PDB file of N, CA and C in Angstrom:
ATOM      1  N   MET A   1       0.864  -1.176   0.000  1.00  0.00           N
ATOM      2  CA  MET A   1       0.000   0.000   0.000  1.00  0.00           C
ATOM      3  C   MET A   1       0.906   1.233   0.000  1.00  0.00           C
ATOM      4  N   ASP A   2       0.729   2.065  -1.007  1.00  0.00           N
ATOM      5  CA  ASP A   2       1.578   3.257  -1.081  1.00  0.00           C
ATOM      6  C   ASP A   2       0.871   4.454  -0.449  1.00  0.00           C
ATOM      7  N   LEU A   3       1.507   5.589  -0.529  1.00  0.00           N
ATOM      8  CA  LEU A   3       1.007   6.781   0.164  1.00  0.00           C
ATOM      9  C   LEU A   3      -0.331   7.256  -0.394  1.00  0.00           C
ATOM     10  N   SER A   4      -0.541   7.185  -1.701  1.00  0.00           N
ATOM     11  CA  SER A   4      -1.803   7.672  -2.274  1.00  0.00           C
ATOM     12  C   SER A   4      -2.975   6.787  -1.854  1.00  0.00           C
ATOM     13  N   GLN A   5      -2.774   5.482  -1.789  1.00  0.00           N
ATOM     14  CA  GLN A   5      -3.839   4.598  -1.336  1.00  0.00           C
ATOM     15  C   GLN A   5      -4.145   4.830   0.148  1.00  0.00           C
ATOM     16  N   PHE A   6      -3.108   5.022   0.934  1.00  0.00           N
ATOM     17  CA  PHE A   6      -3.300   5.255   2.363  1.00  0.00           C
ATOM     18  C   PHE A   6      -4.022   6.575   2.616  1.00  0.00           C
ATOM     19  N   SER A   7      -3.630   7.640   1.884  1.00  0.00           N
ATOM     20  CA  SER A   7      -4.305   8.930   2.076  1.00  0.00           C
ATOM     21  C   SER A   7      -5.756   8.852   1.593  1.00  0.00           C
ATOM     22  N   GLY A   8      -6.022   8.110   0.527  1.00  0.00           N
ATOM     23  CA  GLY A   8      -7.396   7.924   0.077  1.00  0.00           C
ATOM     24  C   GLY A   8      -8.223   7.176   1.099  1.00  0.00           C
ATOM     25  N   PHE A   9      -7.621   6.167   1.715  1.00  0.00           N
ATOM     26  CA  PHE A   9      -8.310   5.430   2.771  1.00  0.00           C
ATOM     27  C   PHE A   9      -8.604   6.334   3.961  1.00  0.00           C
ATOM     28  N   LEU A  10      -7.664   7.188   4.335  1.00  0.00           N
ATOM     29  CA  LEU A  10      -7.896   8.110   5.452  1.00  0.00           C
ATOM     30  C   LEU A  10      -9.000   9.111   5.135  1.00  0.00           C
ATOM     31  N   VAL A  11      -9.049   9.610   3.900  1.00  0.00           N
ATOM     32  CA  VAL A  11     -10.118  10.537   3.507  1.00  0.00           C
ATOM     33  C   VAL A  11     -11.467   9.827   3.573  1.00  0.00           C
ATOM     34  N   PHE A  12     -11.537   8.603   3.048  1.00  0.00           N
ATOM     35  CA  PHE A  12     -12.781   7.841   3.121  1.00  0.00           C
ATOM     36  C   PHE A  12     -13.190   7.603   4.568  1.00  0.00           C
ATOM     37  N   LEU A  13     -12.253   7.199   5.400  1.00  0.00           N
ATOM     38  CA  LEU A  13     -12.554   6.924   6.801  1.00  0.00           C
ATOM     39  C   LEU A  13     -13.039   8.179   7.514  1.00  0.00           C
ATOM     40  N   THR A  14     -12.438   9.333   7.207  1.00  0.00           N
ATOM     41  CA  THR A  14     -12.849  10.591   7.821  1.00  0.00           C
ATOM     42  C   THR A  14     -14.273  10.959   7.418  1.00  0.00           C
ATOM     43  N   ILE A  15     -14.582  10.877   6.131  1.00  0.00           N
ATOM     44  CA  ILE A  15     -15.926  11.233   5.659  1.00  0.00           C
ATOM     45  C   ILE A  15     -16.964  10.263   6.219  1.00  0.00           C
ATOM     46  N   PHE A  16     -16.639   8.970   6.232  1.00  0.00           N
ATOM     47  CA  PHE A  16     -17.569   7.981   6.768  1.00  0.00           C
ATOM     48  C   PHE A  16     -17.823   8.216   8.260  1.00  0.00           C
ATOM     49  N   THR A  17     -16.771   8.514   9.006  1.00  0.00           N
ATOM     50  CA  THR A  17     -16.913   8.755  10.447  1.00  0.00           C
ATOM     51  C   THR A  17     -17.721  10.025  10.721  1.00  0.00           C
ATOM     52  N   MET A  18     -17.486  11.076   9.921  1.00  0.00           N
ATOM     53  CA  MET A  18     -18.258  12.312  10.103  1.00  0.00           C
ATOM     54  C   MET A  18     -19.740  12.061   9.824  1.00  0.00           C
ATOM     55  N   GLY A  19     -20.037  11.290   8.790  1.00  0.00           N
ATOM     56  CA  GLY A  19     -21.428  10.957   8.492  1.00  0.00           C
ATOM     57  C   GLY A  19     -22.065  10.133   9.590  1.00  0.00           C
ATOM     58  N   PHE A  20     -21.295   9.198  10.143  1.00  0.00           N
ATOM     59  CA  PHE A  20     -21.813   8.362  11.231  1.00  0.00           C
ATOM     60  C   PHE A  20     -22.163   9.207  12.447  1.00  0.00           C
ATOM     61  N   TRP A  21     -21.259  10.094  12.853  1.00  0.00           N
ATOM     62  CA  TRP A  21     -21.531  10.906  14.034  1.00  0.00           C
ATOM     63  C   TRP A  21     -22.628  11.929  13.784  1.00  0.00           C
ATOM     64  N   LEU A  22     -22.750  12.420  12.554  1.00  0.00           N
ATOM     65  CA  LEU A  22     -23.860  13.315  12.229  1.00  0.00           C
ATOM     66  C   LEU A  22     -25.186  12.578  12.343  1.00  0.00           C
ATOM     67  N   MET A  23     -25.231  11.337  11.882  1.00  0.00           N
ATOM     68  CA  MET A  23     -26.454  10.548  11.997  1.00  0.00           C
ATOM     69  C   MET A  23     -26.797  10.305  13.471  1.00  0.00           C
ATOM     70  N   ILE A  24     -25.811   9.978  14.282  1.00  0.00           N
ATOM     71  CA  ILE A  24     -26.051   9.769  15.723  1.00  0.00           C
ATOM     72  C   ILE A  24     -26.564  11.060  16.361  1.00  0.00           C
ATOM     73  N   PHE A  25     -25.981  12.211  16.004  1.00  0.00           N
ATOM     74  CA  PHE A  25     -26.426  13.489  16.553  1.00  0.00           C
ATOM     75  C   PHE A  25     -27.876  13.778  16.160  1.00  0.00           C
ATOM     76  N   LEU A  26     -28.207  13.569  14.894  1.00  0.00           N
ATOM     77  CA  LEU A  26     -29.561  13.854  14.440  1.00  0.00           C
ATOM     78  C   LEU A  26     -30.580  12.956  15.123  1.00  0.00           C
ATOM     79  N   VAL A  27     -30.263  11.690  15.262  1.00  0.00           N
ATOM     80  CA  VAL A  27     -31.208  10.753  15.866  1.00  0.00           C
ATOM     81  C   VAL A  27     -31.385  11.039  17.351  1.00  0.00           C
ATOM     82  N   SER A  28     -30.316  11.447  18.029  1.00  0.00           N
ATOM     83  CA  SER A  28     -30.411  11.582  19.482  1.00  0.00           C
ATOM     84  C   SER A  28     -30.832  12.974  19.954  1.00  0.00           C
ATOM     85  N   PHE A  29     -30.649  14.023  19.152  1.00  0.00           N
ATOM     86  CA  PHE A  29     -30.986  15.362  19.616  1.00  0.00           C
ATOM     87  C   PHE A  29     -32.032  16.053  18.755  1.00  0.00           C
ATOM     88  N   ILE A  30     -31.837  16.099  17.476  1.00  0.00           N
ATOM     89  CA  ILE A  30     -32.683  16.920  16.615  1.00  0.00           C
ATOM     90  C   ILE A  30     -34.073  16.312  16.444  1.00  0.00           C
ATOM     91  N   ILE A  31     -34.152  15.025  16.170  1.00  0.00           N
ATOM     92  CA  ILE A  31     -35.451  14.400  15.928  1.00  0.00           C
ATOM     93  C   ILE A  31     -36.335  14.405  17.169  1.00  0.00           C
ATOM     94  N   PRO A  32     -35.835  14.054  18.374  1.00  0.00           N
ATOM     95  CA  PRO A  32     -36.710  14.177  19.561  1.00  0.00           C
ATOM     96  C   PRO A  32     -37.140  15.627  19.832  1.00  0.00           C
ATOM     97  N   TYR A  33     -36.240  16.587  19.595  1.00  0.00           N
ATOM     98  CA  TYR A  33     -36.603  17.991  19.778  1.00  0.00           C
ATOM     99  C   TYR A  33     -37.731  18.377  18.826  1.00  0.00           C
ATOM    100  N   TRP A  34     -37.652  17.924  17.590  1.00  0.00           N
ATOM    101  CA  TRP A  34     -38.665  18.209  16.593  1.00  0.00           C
ATOM    102  C   TRP A  34     -39.996  17.553  16.971  1.00  0.00           C
ATOM    103  N   LEU A  35     -39.961  16.310  17.426  1.00  0.00           N
ATOM    104  CA  LEU A  35     -41.191  15.617  17.802  1.00  0.00           C
ATOM    105  C   LEU A  35     -41.843  16.241  19.029  1.00  0.00           C
ATOM    106  N   ILE A  36     -41.056  16.600  20.031  1.00  0.00           N
ATOM    107  CA  ILE A  36     -41.612  17.227  21.233  1.00  0.00           C
ATOM    108  C   ILE A  36     -42.260  18.563  20.871  1.00  0.00           C
ATOM    109  N   GLY A  37     -41.606  19.348  20.016  1.00  0.00           N
ATOM    110  CA  GLY A  37     -42.188  20.616  19.578  1.00  0.00           C
ATOM    111  C   GLY A  37     -43.478  20.420  18.815  1.00  0.00           C
ATOM    112  N   TYR A  38     -43.536  19.407  17.974  1.00  0.00           N
ATOM    113  CA  TYR A  38     -44.756  19.134  17.208  1.00  0.00           C
ATOM    114  C   TYR A  38     -45.905  18.769  18.140  1.00  0.00           C
ATOM    115  N   PHE A  39     -45.662  17.885  19.108  1.00  0.00           N
ATOM    116  CA  PHE A  39     -46.741  17.471  20.007  1.00  0.00           C
ATOM    117  C   PHE A  39     -47.173  18.599  20.931  1.00  0.00           C
ATOM    118  N   ARG A  40     -46.243  19.451  21.359  1.00  0.00           N
ATOM    119  CA  ARG A  40     -46.641  20.606  22.173  1.00  0.00           C
ATOM    120  C   ARG A  40     -47.533  21.545  21.389  1.00  0.00           C
ATOM    121  N   GLU A  41     -47.146  21.806  20.134  1.00  0.00           N
ATOM    122  CA  GLU A  41     -47.942  22.709  19.315  1.00  0.00           C
ATOM    123  C   GLU A  41     -49.310  22.110  19.003  1.00  0.00           C
ATOM    124  N   ALA A  42     -49.374  20.840  18.719  1.00  0.00           N
ATOM    125  CA  ALA A  42     -50.654  20.187  18.453  1.00  0.00           C
ATOM    126  C   ALA A  42     -51.529  20.220  19.695  1.00  0.00           C
ATOM    127  N   TRP A  43     -50.940  20.011  20.870  1.00  0.00           N
ATOM    128  CA  TRP A  43     -51.704  20.056  22.118  1.00  0.00           C
ATOM    129  C   TRP A  43     -52.220  21.462  22.382  1.00  0.00           C
ATOM    130  N   LYS A  44     -51.383  22.472  22.087  1.00  0.00           N
ATOM    131  CA  LYS A  44     -51.800  23.853  22.294  1.00  0.00           C
ATOM    132  C   LYS A  44     -52.973  24.211  21.394  1.00  0.00           C
ATOM    133  N   TYR A  45     -52.903  23.812  20.119  1.00  0.00           N
ATOM    134  CA  TYR A  45     -54.003  24.108  19.208  1.00  0.00           C
ATOM    135  C   TYR A  45     -55.266  23.348  19.583  1.00  0.00           C
ATOM    136  N   ARG A  46     -55.103  22.122  20.040  1.00  0.00           N
ATOM    137  CA  ARG A  46     -56.271  21.354  20.460  1.00  0.00           C
ATOM    138  C   ARG A  46     -56.898  21.996  21.697  1.00  0.00           C
ATOM    139  N   LYS A  47     -56.066  22.464  22.613  1.00  0.00           N
ATOM    140  CA  LYS A  47     -56.573  23.123  23.822  1.00  0.00           C
ATOM    141  C   LYS A  47     -57.296  24.421  23.466  1.00  0.00           C
ATOM    142  N   GLU A  48     -56.735  25.198  22.532  1.00  0.00           N
ATOM    143  CA  GLU A  48     -57.401  26.429  22.095  1.00  0.00           C
ATOM    144  C   GLU A  48     -58.723  26.125  21.405  1.00  0.00           C
ATOM    145  N   GLY A  49     -58.792  25.059  20.670  1.00  0.00           N
ATOM    146  CA  GLY A  49     -60.030  24.675  20.013  1.00  0.00           C
ATOM    147  C   GLY A  49     -61.101  24.301  21.004  1.00  0.00           C
ATOM    148  N   LYS A  50     -60.737  23.632  22.077  1.00  0.00           N
ATOM    149  CA  LYS A  50     -61.708  23.262  23.109  1.00  0.00           C
ATOM    150  C   LYS A  50     -62.191  24.500  23.855  1.00  0.00           C
ATOM    151  N   VAL A  51     -61.304  25.461  24.099  1.00  0.00           N
ATOM    152  CA  VAL A  51     -61.695  26.681  24.796  1.00  0.00           C
ATOM    153  C   VAL A  51     -62.670  27.469  23.934  1.00  0.00           C
ATOM    154  N   GLU A  52     -62.422  27.569  22.624  1.00  0.00           N
ATOM    155  CA  GLU A  52     -63.329  28.298  21.747  1.00  0.00           C
ATOM    156  C   GLU A  52     -64.679  27.593  21.641  1.00  0.00           C
ATOM    157  N   ALA A  53     -64.705  26.295  21.707  1.00  0.00           N
ATOM    158  CA  ALA A  53     -65.961  25.554  21.594  1.00  0.00           C
ATOM    159  C   ALA A  53     -66.848  25.774  22.821  1.00  0.00           C
ATOM    160  N   LYS A  54     -66.245  25.981  24.006  1.00  0.00           N
ATOM    161  CA  LYS A  54     -67.029  26.193  25.223  1.00  0.00           C
ATOM    162  C   LYS A  54     -67.675  27.561  25.244  1.00  0.00           C
ATOM    163  N   GLU A  55     -67.057  28.551  24.632  1.00  0.00           N
ATOM    164  CA  GLU A  55     -67.607  29.911  24.659  1.00  0.00           C
ATOM    165  C   GLU A  55     -68.718  29.983  23.687  1.00  0.00           C
TER     166      GLU A  55
END
């Protein structure tokens, strides 16, 4: 294995590792944050709809 093959392998490994950690970050932080925000907003609108129906 010469230097060009080794540097190509390192570039591939770096890009693959960055993609892996980005996927872990998105699954563990961004998606739950998005889902919690969606359910809070849906609950708020449902609550406002019930309040308007009583009046």
